[in-house]
């Protein structure tokens, strides 16, 4: 009976670590361990059929799907509607713009490659269609603020909004999937 309580406590610690982990691969590994501990708990609670299903699905198939999905998404695609002469996204040997520095640090933190396209959605060919765009940058004509637009469902957009909350000249707007915001 004591082992059941210890496994339950271990599940609590594993779930806290998974939620707070910044490294996706570590989170997936600990999710798999979480499933194995859960399967052990099912076995000790006399549910071997659930334990077997949990081992197969929770610790093998689901982490594999996560790893495949993460390996497919390694780029952070940004479409810029601001002038190339604007210093916000400037990246030269001498000068790095505030926006470029922010996005570069942000993408490095999440192990993504920053891809900035200065143009329109129509100019993106191949697999880069409007639904794959992570961020659109525009400059407000009213107040001169830089507007960063992205999908409301994106975890990365939520993190970007948290990073820029104290920045007065940057505004993050999240948009519902399929919504067009001009």
N, C-alpha and C. Protein backbone atom coordinates (compact mmCIF):
# COMPACT_ATOMS: atom_id res chain seq x y z
N UNK A 1 0.81 -1.20 0.00
CA UNK A 1 0.00 0.00 0.00
C UNK A 1 0.86 1.27 0.00
N UNK A 2 2.02 1.20 0.65
CA UNK A 2 2.90 2.37 0.71
C UNK A 2 3.45 2.70 -0.67
N UNK A 3 3.65 1.67 -1.50
CA UNK A 3 4.17 1.92 -2.85
C UNK A 3 3.18 2.71 -3.70
N UNK A 4 1.89 2.48 -3.48
CA UNK A 4 0.87 3.22 -4.23
C UNK A 4 0.95 4.71 -3.89
N UNK A 5 1.11 5.02 -2.61
CA UNK A 5 1.22 6.43 -2.20
C UNK A 5 2.50 7.07 -2.74
N UNK A 6 3.59 6.30 -2.74
CA UNK A 6 4.85 6.83 -3.27
C UNK A 6 4.74 7.10 -4.78
N UNK A 7 4.08 6.21 -5.50
CA UNK A 7 3.89 6.42 -6.94
C UNK A 7 3.01 7.64 -7.20
N UNK A 8 2.00 7.85 -6.38
CA UNK A 8 1.14 9.02 -6.55
C UNK A 8 1.91 10.31 -6.29
N UNK A 9 2.75 10.32 -5.28
CA UNK A 9 3.58 11.49 -5.00
C UNK A 9 4.56 11.73 -6.15
N UNK A 10 5.14 10.65 -6.66
CA UNK A 10 6.05 10.76 -7.80
C UNK A 10 5.33 11.34 -9.02
N UNK A 11 4.08 10.95 -9.24
CA UNK A 11 3.29 11.50 -10.34
C UNK A 11 3.08 13.00 -10.19
N UNK A 12 2.88 13.45 -8.97
CA UNK A 12 2.71 14.89 -8.73
C UNK A 12 3.99 15.64 -9.10
N UNK A 13 5.13 15.14 -8.65
CA UNK A 13 6.40 15.80 -8.96
C UNK A 13 6.70 15.76 -10.46
N UNK A 14 6.43 14.63 -11.10
CA UNK A 14 6.65 14.54 -12.55
C UNK A 14 5.75 15.51 -13.31
N UNK A 15 4.50 15.62 -12.91
CA UNK A 15 3.60 16.54 -13.61
C UNK A 15 4.03 17.99 -13.44
N UNK A 16 4.51 18.35 -12.26
CA UNK A 16 5.02 19.71 -12.05
C UNK A 16 6.24 19.97 -12.92
N UNK A 17 7.13 18.99 -13.01
CA UNK A 17 8.32 19.17 -13.85
C UNK A 17 7.94 19.28 -15.32
N UNK A 18 7.00 18.47 -15.77
CA UNK A 18 6.58 18.51 -17.18
C UNK A 18 5.99 19.87 -17.52
N UNK A 19 5.15 20.39 -16.66
CA UNK A 19 4.51 21.68 -16.90
C UNK A 19 5.52 22.82 -16.90
N UNK A 20 6.49 22.77 -16.02
CA UNK A 20 7.45 23.88 -15.89
C UNK A 20 8.66 23.75 -16.80
N UNK A 21 8.80 22.65 -17.50
CA UNK A 21 9.97 22.43 -18.36
C UNK A 21 9.94 23.35 -19.56
N UNK A 22 11.09 23.95 -19.87
CA UNK A 22 11.22 24.81 -21.05
C UNK A 22 11.77 24.04 -22.25
N UNK A 23 12.34 22.90 -21.99
CA UNK A 23 12.90 22.07 -23.05
C UNK A 23 11.86 21.03 -23.46
N UNK A 24 11.40 21.11 -24.70
CA UNK A 24 10.34 20.21 -25.16
C UNK A 24 10.75 18.74 -25.12
N UNK A 25 11.98 18.44 -25.49
CA UNK A 25 12.42 17.04 -25.50
C UNK A 25 12.44 16.46 -24.09
N UNK A 26 12.93 17.23 -23.12
CA UNK A 26 12.90 16.75 -21.73
C UNK A 26 11.48 16.55 -21.24
N UNK A 27 10.58 17.45 -21.61
CA UNK A 27 9.18 17.32 -21.22
C UNK A 27 8.58 16.04 -21.79
N UNK A 28 8.93 15.72 -23.03
CA UNK A 28 8.40 14.50 -23.65
C UNK A 28 8.95 13.25 -22.96
N UNK A 29 10.24 13.28 -22.63
CA UNK A 29 10.84 12.14 -21.92
C UNK A 29 10.18 11.95 -20.57
N UNK A 30 9.98 13.03 -19.84
CA UNK A 30 9.35 12.92 -18.52
C UNK A 30 7.87 12.57 -18.64
N UNK A 31 7.23 12.97 -19.74
CA UNK A 31 5.85 12.54 -19.98
C UNK A 31 5.80 11.02 -20.16
N UNK A 32 6.78 10.48 -20.85
CA UNK A 32 6.86 9.03 -21.04
C UNK A 32 7.09 8.32 -19.70
N UNK A 33 7.95 8.90 -18.87
CA UNK A 33 8.18 8.33 -17.53
C UNK A 33 6.89 8.42 -16.70
N UNK A 34 6.18 9.55 -16.82
CA UNK A 34 4.91 9.73 -16.14
C UNK A 34 3.94 8.60 -16.51
N UNK A 35 3.89 8.26 -17.81
CA UNK A 35 3.01 7.19 -18.27
C UNK A 35 3.44 5.83 -17.72
N UNK A 36 4.73 5.60 -17.64
CA UNK A 36 5.20 4.33 -17.07
C UNK A 36 4.85 4.21 -15.59
N UNK A 37 4.98 5.32 -14.85
CA UNK A 37 4.61 5.31 -13.43
C UNK A 37 3.10 5.10 -13.29
N UNK A 38 2.33 5.73 -14.17
CA UNK A 38 0.88 5.55 -14.15
C UNK A 38 0.51 4.10 -14.44
N UNK A 39 1.21 3.50 -15.40
CA UNK A 39 0.97 2.09 -15.71
C UNK A 39 1.29 1.20 -14.51
N UNK A 40 2.37 1.53 -13.81
CA UNK A 40 2.71 0.77 -12.60
C UNK A 40 1.62 0.91 -11.56
N UNK A 41 1.10 2.11 -11.42
CA UNK A 41 0.02 2.35 -10.47
C UNK A 41 -1.22 1.55 -10.84
N UNK A 42 -1.55 1.50 -12.13
CA UNK A 42 -2.68 0.68 -12.57
C UNK A 42 -2.46 -0.79 -12.25
N UNK A 43 -1.24 -1.25 -12.44
CA UNK A 43 -0.93 -2.65 -12.16
C UNK A 43 -1.12 -2.96 -10.67
N UNK A 44 -0.63 -2.09 -9.81
CA UNK A 44 -0.77 -2.32 -8.37
C UNK A 44 -2.22 -2.19 -7.90
N UNK A 45 -3.03 -1.47 -8.66
CA UNK A 45 -4.45 -1.34 -8.34
C UNK A 45 -5.28 -2.42 -9.04
N UNK A 46 -4.60 -3.45 -9.51
CA UNK A 46 -5.21 -4.63 -10.11
C UNK A 46 -6.01 -4.32 -11.38
N UNK A 47 -5.38 -3.52 -12.25
CA UNK A 47 -5.97 -3.23 -13.57
C UNK A 47 -4.89 -3.43 -14.63
N UNK A 48 -4.48 -4.70 -14.84
CA UNK A 48 -3.37 -4.95 -15.77
C UNK A 48 -3.70 -4.58 -17.22
N UNK A 49 -4.96 -4.66 -17.60
CA UNK A 49 -5.33 -4.29 -18.97
C UNK A 49 -5.11 -2.80 -19.20
N UNK A 50 -5.47 -1.95 -18.23
CA UNK A 50 -5.20 -0.52 -18.32
C UNK A 50 -3.70 -0.23 -18.30
N UNK A 51 -2.98 -0.99 -17.49
CA UNK A 51 -1.53 -0.81 -17.41
C UNK A 51 -0.88 -1.09 -18.76
N UNK A 52 -1.31 -2.15 -19.39
CA UNK A 52 -0.75 -2.50 -20.70
C UNK A 52 -1.08 -1.44 -21.75
N UNK A 53 -2.31 -0.94 -21.74
CA UNK A 53 -2.70 0.11 -22.69
C UNK A 53 -1.93 1.39 -22.42
N UNK A 54 -1.73 1.72 -21.15
CA UNK A 54 -0.99 2.94 -20.80
C UNK A 54 0.47 2.86 -21.24
N UNK A 55 1.07 1.70 -21.10
CA UNK A 55 2.45 1.52 -21.54
C UNK A 55 2.53 1.69 -23.06
N UNK A 56 1.62 1.06 -23.77
CA UNK A 56 1.67 1.12 -25.23
C UNK A 56 1.37 2.52 -25.76
N UNK A 57 0.31 3.12 -25.26
CA UNK A 57 -0.12 4.41 -25.80
C UNK A 57 0.61 5.57 -25.13
N UNK A 58 0.58 5.61 -23.81
CA UNK A 58 1.11 6.77 -23.08
C UNK A 58 2.61 6.91 -23.09
N UNK A 59 3.33 5.79 -23.07
CA UNK A 59 4.79 5.92 -23.00
C UNK A 59 5.49 5.60 -24.31
N UNK A 60 4.74 5.18 -25.32
CA UNK A 60 5.39 4.87 -26.60
C UNK A 60 4.81 5.68 -27.75
N UNK A 61 3.53 5.52 -28.00
CA UNK A 61 2.94 6.13 -29.20
C UNK A 61 2.82 7.65 -29.07
N UNK A 62 2.26 8.14 -27.95
CA UNK A 62 2.06 9.58 -27.78
C UNK A 62 3.38 10.35 -27.80
N UNK A 63 4.41 9.94 -27.04
CA UNK A 63 5.69 10.67 -27.15
C UNK A 63 6.29 10.64 -28.55
N UNK A 64 6.10 9.55 -29.26
CA UNK A 64 6.59 9.46 -30.63
C UNK A 64 5.90 10.50 -31.51
N UNK A 65 4.60 10.65 -31.36
CA UNK A 65 3.85 11.65 -32.14
C UNK A 65 4.35 13.05 -31.80
N UNK A 66 4.58 13.33 -30.51
CA UNK A 66 5.09 14.64 -30.10
C UNK A 66 6.47 14.91 -30.71
N UNK A 67 7.33 13.92 -30.68
CA UNK A 67 8.68 14.10 -31.23
C UNK A 67 8.63 14.36 -32.73
N UNK A 68 7.78 13.65 -33.44
CA UNK A 68 7.64 13.87 -34.88
C UNK A 68 7.12 15.28 -35.15
N UNK A 69 6.11 15.70 -34.39
CA UNK A 69 5.53 17.04 -34.59
C UNK A 69 6.54 18.14 -34.30
N UNK A 70 7.31 18.00 -33.25
CA UNK A 70 8.31 19.01 -32.90
C UNK A 70 9.43 19.05 -33.93
N UNK A 71 9.84 17.90 -34.42
CA UNK A 71 10.93 17.88 -35.40
C UNK A 71 10.51 18.52 -36.72
N UNK A 72 9.21 18.51 -37.03
CA UNK A 72 8.72 19.14 -38.26
C UNK A 72 8.73 20.66 -38.15
N UNK A 73 8.54 21.18 -36.95
CA UNK A 73 8.44 22.63 -36.76
C UNK A 73 9.74 23.15 -36.16
N UNK A 74 10.63 23.59 -36.98
CA UNK A 74 11.91 24.12 -36.51
C UNK A 74 12.14 25.55 -36.96
N UNK A 75 11.16 26.15 -37.65
CA UNK A 75 11.31 27.52 -38.12
C UNK A 75 10.21 28.39 -37.52
N UNK A 76 10.55 29.63 -37.28
CA UNK A 76 9.59 30.64 -36.84
C UNK A 76 9.48 31.63 -37.98
N UNK A 77 8.39 31.53 -38.74
CA UNK A 77 8.21 32.32 -39.95
C UNK A 77 7.53 33.64 -39.64
N UNK A 78 8.21 34.74 -39.99
CA UNK A 78 7.72 36.09 -39.74
C UNK A 78 7.54 36.79 -41.08
N UNK A 79 6.37 37.41 -41.27
CA UNK A 79 6.12 38.22 -42.45
C UNK A 79 6.10 39.67 -41.98
N UNK A 80 6.96 40.48 -42.57
CA UNK A 80 7.08 41.88 -42.18
C UNK A 80 6.41 42.77 -43.22
N UNK A 81 5.53 43.64 -42.73
CA UNK A 81 4.89 44.63 -43.60
C UNK A 81 5.46 46.02 -43.34
N UNK A 82 6.59 46.09 -42.65
CA UNK A 82 7.24 47.38 -42.43
C UNK A 82 8.37 47.55 -43.44
N UNK A 83 8.75 48.76 -43.65
CA UNK A 83 9.77 49.07 -44.64
C UNK A 83 11.11 48.40 -44.28
N UNK A 84 11.82 47.97 -45.29
CA UNK A 84 13.14 47.38 -45.06
C UNK A 84 14.12 48.40 -44.48
N UNK A 85 13.84 49.68 -44.73
CA UNK A 85 14.70 50.75 -44.22
C UNK A 85 14.44 51.05 -42.75
N UNK A 86 13.31 50.56 -42.24
CA UNK A 86 12.98 50.77 -40.83
C UNK A 86 13.99 49.98 -39.98
N UNK A 87 14.48 50.58 -38.93
CA UNK A 87 15.54 49.96 -38.12
C UNK A 87 15.04 48.87 -37.19
N UNK A 88 13.73 48.66 -37.09
CA UNK A 88 13.17 47.69 -36.14
C UNK A 88 13.65 46.27 -36.42
N UNK A 89 13.66 45.85 -37.68
CA UNK A 89 14.09 44.49 -38.03
C UNK A 89 15.46 44.47 -38.72
N UNK A 90 16.19 45.54 -38.60
CA UNK A 90 17.49 45.66 -39.24
C UNK A 90 18.49 44.68 -38.62
N UNK A 91 19.25 44.02 -39.49
CA UNK A 91 20.28 43.10 -39.02
C UNK A 91 21.48 43.20 -39.95
N UNK A 92 22.42 44.06 -39.58
CA UNK A 92 23.65 44.21 -40.33
C UNK A 92 24.82 43.98 -39.39
N UNK A 93 26.02 44.06 -39.92
CA UNK A 93 27.21 43.87 -39.08
C UNK A 93 27.29 44.95 -38.00
N UNK A 94 26.89 46.16 -38.35
CA UNK A 94 27.02 47.30 -37.43
C UNK A 94 25.80 47.48 -36.53
N UNK A 95 24.62 47.21 -37.05
CA UNK A 95 23.39 47.54 -36.33
C UNK A 95 22.44 46.35 -36.28
N UNK A 96 21.88 46.13 -35.09
CA UNK A 96 20.84 45.13 -34.92
C UNK A 96 19.64 45.85 -34.34
N UNK A 97 18.51 45.78 -35.04
CA UNK A 97 17.30 46.47 -34.60
C UNK A 97 16.69 45.82 -33.37
N UNK A 98 15.91 46.61 -32.68
CA UNK A 98 15.25 46.15 -31.45
C UNK A 98 14.36 44.94 -31.70
N UNK A 99 13.58 44.98 -32.77
CA UNK A 99 12.69 43.88 -33.11
C UNK A 99 13.44 42.62 -33.49
N UNK A 100 14.50 42.80 -34.29
CA UNK A 100 15.29 41.64 -34.70
C UNK A 100 15.94 40.99 -33.48
N UNK A 101 16.48 41.80 -32.58
CA UNK A 101 17.12 41.28 -31.37
C UNK A 101 16.10 40.50 -30.53
N UNK A 102 14.90 41.07 -30.36
CA UNK A 102 13.85 40.41 -29.60
C UNK A 102 13.48 39.07 -30.22
N UNK A 103 13.23 39.05 -31.52
CA UNK A 103 12.84 37.81 -32.20
C UNK A 103 13.98 36.80 -32.25
N UNK A 104 15.21 37.28 -32.42
CA UNK A 104 16.36 36.38 -32.45
C UNK A 104 16.56 35.70 -31.10
N UNK A 105 16.50 36.47 -30.02
CA UNK A 105 16.62 35.88 -28.69
C UNK A 105 15.47 34.92 -28.40
N UNK A 106 14.27 35.30 -28.81
CA UNK A 106 13.08 34.49 -28.61
C UNK A 106 13.20 33.15 -29.33
N UNK A 107 13.61 33.18 -30.60
CA UNK A 107 13.71 31.94 -31.36
C UNK A 107 14.88 31.07 -30.89
N UNK A 108 15.97 31.70 -30.47
CA UNK A 108 17.09 30.91 -29.94
C UNK A 108 16.69 30.19 -28.66
N UNK A 109 15.88 30.85 -27.84
CA UNK A 109 15.42 30.24 -26.59
C UNK A 109 14.61 28.97 -26.86
N UNK A 110 13.84 28.96 -27.94
CA UNK A 110 13.01 27.81 -28.29
C UNK A 110 13.65 26.93 -29.38
N UNK A 111 14.92 27.15 -29.65
CA UNK A 111 15.66 26.35 -30.65
C UNK A 111 14.98 26.35 -32.01
N UNK A 112 14.54 27.53 -32.45
CA UNK A 112 13.92 27.68 -33.75
C UNK A 112 14.80 28.55 -34.64
N UNK A 113 14.64 28.39 -35.94
CA UNK A 113 15.34 29.23 -36.90
C UNK A 113 14.43 30.39 -37.27
N UNK A 114 14.94 31.61 -37.14
CA UNK A 114 14.17 32.81 -37.47
C UNK A 114 14.22 33.05 -38.97
N UNK A 115 13.05 33.09 -39.61
CA UNK A 115 12.93 33.36 -41.03
C UNK A 115 12.03 34.57 -41.19
N UNK A 116 12.59 35.67 -41.71
CA UNK A 116 11.83 36.89 -41.91
C UNK A 116 11.63 37.12 -43.40
N UNK A 117 10.37 37.27 -43.80
CA UNK A 117 10.02 37.53 -45.19
C UNK A 117 9.45 38.94 -45.25
N UNK A 118 10.12 39.82 -45.97
CA UNK A 118 9.64 41.19 -46.16
C UNK A 118 8.75 41.19 -47.39
N UNK A 119 7.47 41.15 -47.17
CA UNK A 119 6.57 41.15 -48.32
C UNK A 119 5.17 40.77 -47.94
N UNK A 120 4.48 40.16 -48.90
CA UNK A 120 3.09 39.81 -48.72
C UNK A 120 2.94 38.31 -48.61
N UNK A 121 1.75 37.90 -48.17
CA UNK A 121 1.46 36.47 -48.05
C UNK A 121 1.58 35.77 -49.39
N UNK A 122 1.18 36.44 -50.46
CA UNK A 122 1.17 35.84 -51.79
C UNK A 122 2.56 35.44 -52.27
N UNK A 123 3.59 36.11 -51.74
CA UNK A 123 4.95 35.84 -52.19
C UNK A 123 5.54 34.58 -51.58
N UNK A 124 4.85 33.99 -50.60
CA UNK A 124 5.35 32.78 -49.96
C UNK A 124 4.96 31.58 -50.81
N UNK A 125 5.95 30.83 -51.25
CA UNK A 125 5.71 29.70 -52.14
C UNK A 125 5.92 28.39 -51.40
N UNK A 126 5.47 27.33 -52.02
CA UNK A 126 5.71 25.99 -51.50
C UNK A 126 4.93 25.73 -50.22
N UNK A 127 5.64 25.20 -49.23
CA UNK A 127 4.97 24.83 -47.99
C UNK A 127 4.63 26.04 -47.13
N UNK A 128 5.18 27.22 -47.45
CA UNK A 128 4.93 28.40 -46.65
C UNK A 128 3.66 29.09 -47.13
N UNK A 129 2.57 28.72 -46.57
CA UNK A 129 1.29 29.34 -46.88
C UNK A 129 0.86 30.15 -45.65
N UNK A 130 -0.17 30.94 -45.79
CA UNK A 130 -0.57 31.84 -44.71
C UNK A 130 -0.86 31.11 -43.41
N UNK A 131 -1.31 29.88 -43.46
CA UNK A 131 -1.60 29.17 -42.22
C UNK A 131 -0.33 28.75 -41.46
N UNK A 132 0.80 28.73 -42.14
CA UNK A 132 2.06 28.35 -41.50
C UNK A 132 2.83 29.56 -40.98
N UNK A 133 2.32 30.74 -41.19
CA UNK A 133 3.01 31.94 -40.74
C UNK A 133 2.81 32.08 -39.24
N UNK A 134 3.91 32.28 -38.52
CA UNK A 134 3.83 32.39 -37.08
C UNK A 134 3.55 33.81 -36.61
N UNK A 135 4.06 34.81 -37.34
CA UNK A 135 3.97 36.18 -36.88
C UNK A 135 3.93 37.14 -38.06
N UNK A 136 3.09 38.17 -37.95
CA UNK A 136 3.04 39.24 -38.94
C UNK A 136 3.37 40.53 -38.20
N UNK A 137 4.30 41.31 -38.77
CA UNK A 137 4.72 42.56 -38.13
C UNK A 137 4.29 43.73 -39.00
N UNK A 138 3.63 44.69 -38.37
CA UNK A 138 3.20 45.91 -39.05
C UNK A 138 3.52 47.09 -38.15
N UNK A 139 3.50 48.27 -38.73
CA UNK A 139 3.72 49.49 -37.96
C UNK A 139 2.44 50.32 -38.02
N UNK A 140 1.94 50.71 -36.86
CA UNK A 140 0.71 51.48 -36.79
C UNK A 140 0.94 52.89 -37.33
N UNK A 141 0.05 53.34 -38.19
CA UNK A 141 0.16 54.70 -38.73
C UNK A 141 -0.33 55.72 -37.71
N UNK A 142 -1.15 55.29 -36.76
CA UNK A 142 -1.70 56.22 -35.77
C UNK A 142 -0.68 56.62 -34.72
N UNK A 143 -0.05 55.62 -34.10
CA UNK A 143 0.84 55.93 -32.98
C UNK A 143 2.29 55.47 -33.18
N UNK A 144 2.61 54.89 -34.33
CA UNK A 144 3.99 54.48 -34.62
C UNK A 144 4.44 53.22 -33.89
N UNK A 145 3.53 52.54 -33.20
CA UNK A 145 3.88 51.31 -32.50
C UNK A 145 4.02 50.15 -33.48
N UNK A 146 4.85 49.21 -33.13
CA UNK A 146 5.01 48.01 -33.94
C UNK A 146 3.99 46.99 -33.44
N UNK A 147 3.23 46.44 -34.37
CA UNK A 147 2.17 45.49 -34.03
C UNK A 147 2.62 44.10 -34.47
N UNK A 148 2.66 43.19 -33.53
CA UNK A 148 3.02 41.80 -33.79
C UNK A 148 1.73 40.99 -33.72
N UNK A 149 1.33 40.38 -34.83
CA UNK A 149 0.09 39.62 -34.90
C UNK A 149 0.39 38.14 -35.07
N UNK A 150 -0.31 37.33 -34.30
CA UNK A 150 -0.14 35.89 -34.41
C UNK A 150 -1.39 35.17 -33.96
N UNK A 151 -1.37 33.85 -34.09
CA UNK A 151 -2.53 33.03 -33.75
C UNK A 151 -2.75 32.99 -32.24
N UNK A 152 -3.99 33.10 -31.85
CA UNK A 152 -4.36 33.09 -30.44
C UNK A 152 -4.02 31.75 -29.79
N UNK A 153 -4.09 30.68 -30.55
CA UNK A 153 -3.86 29.35 -30.02
C UNK A 153 -2.38 29.00 -29.87
N UNK A 154 -1.50 29.86 -30.36
CA UNK A 154 -0.07 29.57 -30.33
C UNK A 154 0.52 29.84 -28.94
N UNK A 155 1.17 28.85 -28.39
CA UNK A 155 1.84 29.01 -27.10
C UNK A 155 2.98 30.03 -27.24
N UNK A 156 3.64 30.00 -28.39
CA UNK A 156 4.73 30.94 -28.62
C UNK A 156 4.24 32.38 -28.60
N UNK A 157 3.04 32.64 -29.13
CA UNK A 157 2.50 34.00 -29.11
C UNK A 157 2.23 34.45 -27.68
N UNK A 158 1.75 33.55 -26.86
CA UNK A 158 1.51 33.90 -25.45
C UNK A 158 2.83 34.26 -24.76
N UNK A 159 3.88 33.53 -25.05
CA UNK A 159 5.19 33.83 -24.47
C UNK A 159 5.73 35.16 -24.99
N UNK A 160 5.54 35.41 -26.28
CA UNK A 160 6.00 36.67 -26.88
C UNK A 160 5.24 37.85 -26.27
N UNK A 161 3.96 37.67 -26.02
CA UNK A 161 3.17 38.73 -25.38
C UNK A 161 3.68 39.01 -23.97
N UNK A 162 4.07 37.98 -23.25
CA UNK A 162 4.62 38.16 -21.90
C UNK A 162 5.96 38.89 -21.95
N UNK A 163 6.77 38.60 -22.95
CA UNK A 163 8.08 39.25 -23.07
C UNK A 163 7.98 40.74 -23.38
N UNK A 164 6.96 41.11 -24.15
CA UNK A 164 6.85 42.50 -24.61
C UNK A 164 5.85 43.32 -23.83
N UNK A 165 5.34 42.80 -22.73
CA UNK A 165 4.28 43.51 -21.99
C UNK A 165 4.75 44.85 -21.45
N UNK A 166 6.02 44.99 -21.13
CA UNK A 166 6.52 46.24 -20.59
C UNK A 166 7.06 47.19 -21.67
N UNK A 167 7.06 46.74 -22.91
CA UNK A 167 7.59 47.54 -24.01
C UNK A 167 6.49 48.43 -24.57
N UNK A 168 6.68 49.75 -24.51
CA UNK A 168 5.64 50.69 -24.93
C UNK A 168 5.48 50.80 -26.44
N UNK A 169 6.53 50.51 -27.20
CA UNK A 169 6.41 50.69 -28.65
C UNK A 169 6.12 49.38 -29.40
N UNK A 170 5.81 48.31 -28.65
CA UNK A 170 5.46 47.03 -29.27
C UNK A 170 4.12 46.56 -28.69
N UNK A 171 3.23 46.17 -29.59
CA UNK A 171 1.93 45.66 -29.18
C UNK A 171 1.74 44.28 -29.81
N UNK A 172 1.34 43.30 -29.00
CA UNK A 172 1.10 41.95 -29.49
C UNK A 172 -0.41 41.74 -29.57
N UNK A 173 -0.86 41.34 -30.75
CA UNK A 173 -2.27 41.07 -30.97
C UNK A 173 -2.42 39.61 -31.38
N UNK A 174 -3.29 38.90 -30.68
CA UNK A 174 -3.56 37.51 -31.04
C UNK A 174 -4.88 37.45 -31.79
N UNK A 175 -4.91 36.63 -32.82
CA UNK A 175 -6.04 36.54 -33.74
C UNK A 175 -6.57 35.11 -33.73
N UNK A 176 -7.88 34.99 -33.75
CA UNK A 176 -8.50 33.67 -33.85
C UNK A 176 -8.12 32.99 -35.16
N UNK A 177 -8.08 31.69 -35.18
CA UNK A 177 -7.77 30.92 -36.38
C UNK A 177 -8.79 31.24 -37.47
N UNK A 178 -8.33 31.58 -38.65
CA UNK A 178 -9.21 31.87 -39.78
C UNK A 178 -9.71 33.30 -39.84
N UNK A 179 -9.45 34.08 -38.79
CA UNK A 179 -9.89 35.47 -38.75
C UNK A 179 -8.90 36.33 -39.53
N UNK A 180 -9.40 37.29 -40.26
CA UNK A 180 -8.52 38.22 -40.97
C UNK A 180 -8.62 39.55 -40.25
N UNK A 181 -7.45 40.08 -39.88
CA UNK A 181 -7.41 41.31 -39.10
C UNK A 181 -6.58 42.33 -39.83
N UNK A 182 -7.20 43.36 -40.33
CA UNK A 182 -6.47 44.40 -41.06
C UNK A 182 -6.44 45.67 -40.26
